[in-house]
């Protein structure tokens, strides 16, 4: 059974902290974290508009701080979830030889959505749409043993 899940996006200020916050709200028994493939925002809280949109849905992200994904995460987590194909490619680039930790696309857990990635609301400005998709994906992931 998966006990430790890492959610990964580009900067770790919108999608992955939102995914972490939503998932920990529906599965508090699972150890979660989030990270970004880039290091631009290390130490920063989630982006203000994402925090506001999440808070309106009862999800508090205020305690989260951005960090950069590292190869050590492959040994610290049972499952690594990327928000889009570019994130997955960067995660796989850092995979240590012989490591078997599963890396999955978050939208794989919500095939009914028809989405091939979780869009980045930092650029699209659609925080509500992104959160709706994240909630669908999180519910699907929760059903996975």
C-alpha atoms as a PDB file:
ATOM      1  CA  UNK A   1       0.000   0.000   0.000  1.00  0.00           C
ATOM      2  CA  UNK A   2       1.235   3.484  -0.895  1.00  0.00           C
ATOM      3  CA  UNK A   3       2.119   5.405   2.261  1.00  0.00           C
ATOM      4  CA  UNK A   4       4.248   8.286   0.940  1.00  0.00           C
ATOM      5  CA  UNK A   5       3.293  10.299  -2.151  1.00  0.00           C
ATOM      6  CA  UNK A   6       5.168  13.195  -3.733  1.00  0.00           C
ATOM      7  CA  UNK A   7       3.347  15.614  -6.076  1.00  0.00           C
ATOM      8  CA  UNK A   8       5.588  17.421  -8.577  1.00  0.00           C
ATOM      9  CA  UNK A   9       5.055  20.402 -10.890  1.00  0.00           C
ATOM     10  CA  UNK A  10       7.326  23.061 -12.336  1.00  0.00           C
ATOM     11  CA  UNK A  11       7.767  25.668  -9.593  1.00  0.00           C
ATOM     12  CA  UNK A  12       5.968  24.072  -6.616  1.00  0.00           C
ATOM     13  CA  UNK A  13       3.778  27.127  -6.022  1.00  0.00           C
ATOM     14  CA  UNK A  14       0.483  26.201  -7.755  1.00  0.00           C
ATOM     15  CA  UNK A  15      -0.332  22.699  -8.969  1.00  0.00           C
ATOM     16  CA  UNK A  16       1.735  20.428  -6.743  1.00  0.00           C
ATOM     17  CA  UNK A  17       1.014  22.208  -3.450  1.00  0.00           C
ATOM     18  CA  UNK A  18      -2.682  22.285  -4.383  1.00  0.00           C
ATOM     19  CA  UNK A  19      -2.546  18.549  -5.146  1.00  0.00           C
ATOM     20  CA  UNK A  20      -0.786  17.914  -1.842  1.00  0.00           C
ATOM     21  CA  UNK A  21      -3.334  19.994   0.068  1.00  0.00           C
ATOM     22  CA  UNK A  22      -6.359  18.423  -1.616  1.00  0.00           C
ATOM     23  CA  UNK A  23      -5.009  14.893  -1.202  1.00  0.00           C
ATOM     24  CA  UNK A  24      -4.032  15.293   2.446  1.00  0.00           C
ATOM     25  CA  UNK A  25      -7.567  16.592   3.119  1.00  0.00           C
ATOM     26  CA  UNK A  26      -9.154  13.412   1.700  1.00  0.00           C
ATOM     27  CA  UNK A  27      -6.444  10.955   2.825  1.00  0.00           C
ATOM     28  CA  UNK A  28      -4.845  12.337   6.003  1.00  0.00           C
ATOM     29  CA  UNK A  29      -3.334   8.942   6.797  1.00  0.00           C
ATOM     30  CA  UNK A  30      -1.026   9.172   3.764  1.00  0.00           C
ATOM     31  CA  UNK A  31       2.271  11.048   4.102  1.00  0.00           C
ATOM     32  CA  UNK A  32       2.378  13.655   1.325  1.00  0.00           C
ATOM     33  CA  UNK A  33       4.792  16.268   0.074  1.00  0.00           C
ATOM     34  CA  UNK A  34       5.239  18.384  -3.028  1.00  0.00           C
ATOM     35  CA  UNK A  35       8.180  19.682  -5.028  1.00  0.00           C
ATOM     36  CA  UNK A  36       9.047  21.508  -8.222  1.00  0.00           C
ATOM     37  CA  UNK A  37      11.411  20.483 -10.975  1.00  0.00           C
ATOM     38  CA  UNK A  38      12.708  24.069 -10.989  1.00  0.00           C
ATOM     39  CA  UNK A  39      14.248  25.869  -8.044  1.00  0.00           C
ATOM     40  CA  UNK A  40      13.035  29.424  -8.631  1.00  0.00           C
ATOM     41  CA  UNK A  41      10.607  29.523  -5.694  1.00  0.00           C
ATOM     42  CA  UNK A  42      12.391  27.426  -3.042  1.00  0.00           C
ATOM     43  CA  UNK A  43      11.210  28.453   0.410  1.00  0.00           C
ATOM     44  CA  UNK A  44       8.217  30.436  -0.852  1.00  0.00           C
ATOM     45  CA  UNK A  45       4.599  29.730   0.083  1.00  0.00           C
ATOM     46  CA  UNK A  46       2.119  28.698  -2.608  1.00  0.00           C
ATOM     47  CA  UNK A  47       1.105  31.429  -5.038  1.00  0.00           C
ATOM     48  CA  UNK A  48      -1.449  33.793  -3.472  1.00  0.00           C
ATOM     49  CA  UNK A  49      -4.278  33.290  -5.993  1.00  0.00           C
ATOM     50  CA  UNK A  50      -3.920  29.500  -5.672  1.00  0.00           C
ATOM     51  CA  UNK A  51      -4.067  29.735  -1.890  1.00  0.00           C
ATOM     52  CA  UNK A  52      -7.187  31.903  -2.135  1.00  0.00           C
ATOM     53  CA  UNK A  53      -8.934  29.516  -4.550  1.00  0.00           C
ATOM     54  CA  UNK A  54      -8.002  26.486  -2.425  1.00  0.00           C
ATOM     55  CA  UNK A  55      -9.104  28.183   0.793  1.00  0.00           C
ATOM     56  CA  UNK A  56     -12.509  28.894  -0.782  1.00  0.00           C
ATOM     57  CA  UNK A  57     -12.840  25.090  -1.121  1.00  0.00           C
ATOM     58  CA  UNK A  58     -11.756  24.485   2.468  1.00  0.00           C
ATOM     59  CA  UNK A  59      -8.170  23.503   1.631  1.00  0.00           C
ATOM     60  CA  UNK A  60      -5.458  25.349   3.566  1.00  0.00           C
ATOM     61  CA  UNK A  61      -2.081  25.553   1.805  1.00  0.00           C
ATOM     62  CA  UNK A  62      -0.540  28.221   4.055  1.00  0.00           C
ATOM     63  CA  UNK A  63       1.869  25.843   5.824  1.00  0.00           C
ATOM     64  CA  UNK A  64       3.487  24.610   2.596  1.00  0.00           C
ATOM     65  CA  UNK A  65       6.802  25.905   1.235  1.00  0.00           C
ATOM     66  CA  UNK A  66       8.318  25.262  -2.172  1.00  0.00           C
ATOM     67  CA  UNK A  67      11.263  22.921  -2.576  1.00  0.00           C
ATOM     68  CA  UNK A  68      13.064  21.449  -5.546  1.00  0.00           C
ATOM     69  CA  UNK A  69      12.720  17.814  -6.588  1.00  0.00           C
ATOM     70  CA  UNK A  70      15.879  15.751  -6.134  1.00  0.00           C
ATOM     71  CA  UNK A  71      17.079  12.244  -6.928  1.00  0.00           C
ATOM     72  CA  UNK A  72      16.822  11.398  -3.216  1.00  0.00           C
ATOM     73  CA  UNK A  73      13.040  11.699  -3.521  1.00  0.00           C
ATOM     74  CA  UNK A  74      13.018   8.360  -5.348  1.00  0.00           C
ATOM     75  CA  UNK A  75      14.032   6.629  -2.115  1.00  0.00           C
ATOM     76  CA  UNK A  76      11.870   8.767   0.179  1.00  0.00           C
ATOM     77  CA  UNK A  77       8.526   8.155  -1.572  1.00  0.00           C
ATOM     78  CA  UNK A  78       6.440   5.154  -2.654  1.00  0.00           C
ATOM     79  CA  UNK A  79       4.837   7.041  -5.548  1.00  0.00           C
ATOM     80  CA  UNK A  80       5.797  10.190  -7.443  1.00  0.00           C
ATOM     81  CA  UNK A  81       3.049  12.072  -9.301  1.00  0.00           C
ATOM     82  CA  UNK A  82       3.848  14.584 -12.053  1.00  0.00           C
ATOM     83  CA  UNK A  83       1.404  17.212 -13.284  1.00  0.00           C
ATOM     84  CA  UNK A  84       2.409  17.080 -16.974  1.00  0.00           C
ATOM     85  CA  UNK A  85       4.696  15.283 -19.419  1.00  0.00           C
ATOM     86  CA  UNK A  86       7.496  17.837 -19.038  1.00  0.00           C
ATOM     87  CA  UNK A  87       7.518  17.254 -15.268  1.00  0.00           C
ATOM     88  CA  UNK A  88       7.535  13.481 -15.801  1.00  0.00           C
ATOM     89  CA  UNK A  89      10.481  13.761 -18.218  1.00  0.00           C
ATOM     90  CA  UNK A  90      12.494  15.847 -15.751  1.00  0.00           C
ATOM     91  CA  UNK A  91      11.681  13.472 -12.883  1.00  0.00           C
ATOM     92  CA  UNK A  92      12.765  10.480 -14.971  1.00  0.00           C
ATOM     93  CA  UNK A  93      15.973  12.273 -15.976  1.00  0.00           C
ATOM     94  CA  UNK A  94      16.955  12.280 -12.303  1.00  0.00           C
ATOM     95  CA  UNK A  95      15.970   8.650 -11.596  1.00  0.00           C
ATOM     96  CA  UNK A  96      18.860   6.743 -10.011  1.00  0.00           C
ATOM     97  CA  UNK A  97      19.948   3.654 -11.911  1.00  0.00           C
ATOM     98  CA  UNK A  98      17.988   0.610 -10.797  1.00  0.00           C
ATOM     99  CA  UNK A  99      15.354   2.572  -8.880  1.00  0.00           C
ATOM    100  CA  UNK A 100      11.811   1.219  -9.348  1.00  0.00           C
ATOM    101  CA  UNK A 101       9.707   3.922  -7.653  1.00  0.00           C
ATOM    102  CA  UNK A 102       6.578   4.408  -9.788  1.00  0.00           C
ATOM    103  CA  UNK A 103       6.184   7.784 -11.504  1.00  0.00           C
ATOM    104  CA  UNK A 104       2.702   8.548 -12.817  1.00  0.00           C
ATOM    105  CA  UNK A 105       0.879  11.395 -14.474  1.00  0.00           C
ATOM    106  CA  UNK A 106      -1.770  12.801 -12.098  1.00  0.00           C
ATOM    107  CA  UNK A 107      -4.443  12.859 -14.790  1.00  0.00           C
ATOM    108  CA  UNK A 108      -4.045   9.067 -15.157  1.00  0.00           C
ATOM    109  CA  UNK A 109      -6.207   8.908 -12.031  1.00  0.00           C
ATOM    110  CA  UNK A 110      -9.070  10.824 -13.684  1.00  0.00           C
ATOM    111  CA  UNK A 111      -9.373   9.355 -17.190  1.00  0.00           C
ATOM    112  CA  UNK A 112     -12.993  10.504 -17.356  1.00  0.00           C
ATOM    113  CA  UNK A 113     -11.752  14.118 -17.365  1.00  0.00           C
ATOM    114  CA  UNK A 114     -10.169  13.705 -20.793  1.00  0.00           C
ATOM    115  CA  UNK A 115      -7.244  15.856 -19.603  1.00  0.00           C
ATOM    116  CA  UNK A 116      -3.720  14.841 -20.575  1.00  0.00           C
ATOM    117  CA  UNK A 117      -2.134  17.162 -18.000  1.00  0.00           C
ATOM    118  CA  UNK A 118      -3.009  19.457 -15.120  1.00  0.00           C
ATOM    119  CA  UNK A 119      -2.816  22.938 -16.695  1.00  0.00           C
ATOM    120  CA  UNK A 120      -0.592  25.456 -14.913  1.00  0.00           C
ATOM    121  CA  UNK A 121      -2.845  28.217 -13.545  1.00  0.00           C
ATOM    122  CA  UNK A 122       0.165  30.475 -13.047  1.00  0.00           C
ATOM    123  CA  UNK A 123      -0.054  30.910 -16.829  1.00  0.00           C
ATOM    124  CA  UNK A 124      -3.699  30.061 -17.621  1.00  0.00           C
ATOM    125  CA  UNK A 125      -5.103  32.017 -14.620  1.00  0.00           C
ATOM    126  CA  UNK A 126      -7.804  29.322 -14.316  1.00  0.00           C
ATOM    127  CA  UNK A 127      -7.281  28.430 -10.657  1.00  0.00           C
ATOM    128  CA  UNK A 128     -10.834  27.109 -10.283  1.00  0.00           C
ATOM    129  CA  UNK A 129     -10.572  24.801 -13.295  1.00  0.00           C
ATOM    130  CA  UNK A 130      -7.209  23.510 -12.140  1.00  0.00           C
ATOM    131  CA  UNK A 131      -8.535  22.811  -8.650  1.00  0.00           C
ATOM    132  CA  UNK A 132     -11.570  20.993 -10.033  1.00  0.00           C
ATOM    133  CA  UNK A 133      -9.283  18.722 -12.073  1.00  0.00           C
ATOM    134  CA  UNK A 134      -6.943  18.219  -9.100  1.00  0.00           C
ATOM    135  CA  UNK A 135      -9.917  17.175  -6.966  1.00  0.00           C
ATOM    136  CA  UNK A 136     -11.006  14.633  -9.614  1.00  0.00           C
ATOM    137  CA  UNK A 137      -7.473  13.234  -9.853  1.00  0.00           C
ATOM    138  CA  UNK A 138      -7.088  13.093  -6.062  1.00  0.00           C
ATOM    139  CA  UNK A 139     -10.357  11.165  -5.688  1.00  0.00           C
ATOM    140  CA  UNK A 140      -9.174   8.703  -8.329  1.00  0.00           C
ATOM    141  CA  UNK A 141      -5.792   8.326  -6.655  1.00  0.00           C
ATOM    142  CA  UNK A 142      -7.480   7.781  -3.295  1.00  0.00           C
ATOM    143  CA  UNK A 143      -9.195   4.732  -4.771  1.00  0.00           C
ATOM    144  CA  UNK A 144      -5.859   3.163  -5.676  1.00  0.00           C
ATOM    145  CA  UNK A 145      -4.542   0.667  -3.092  1.00  0.00           C
END
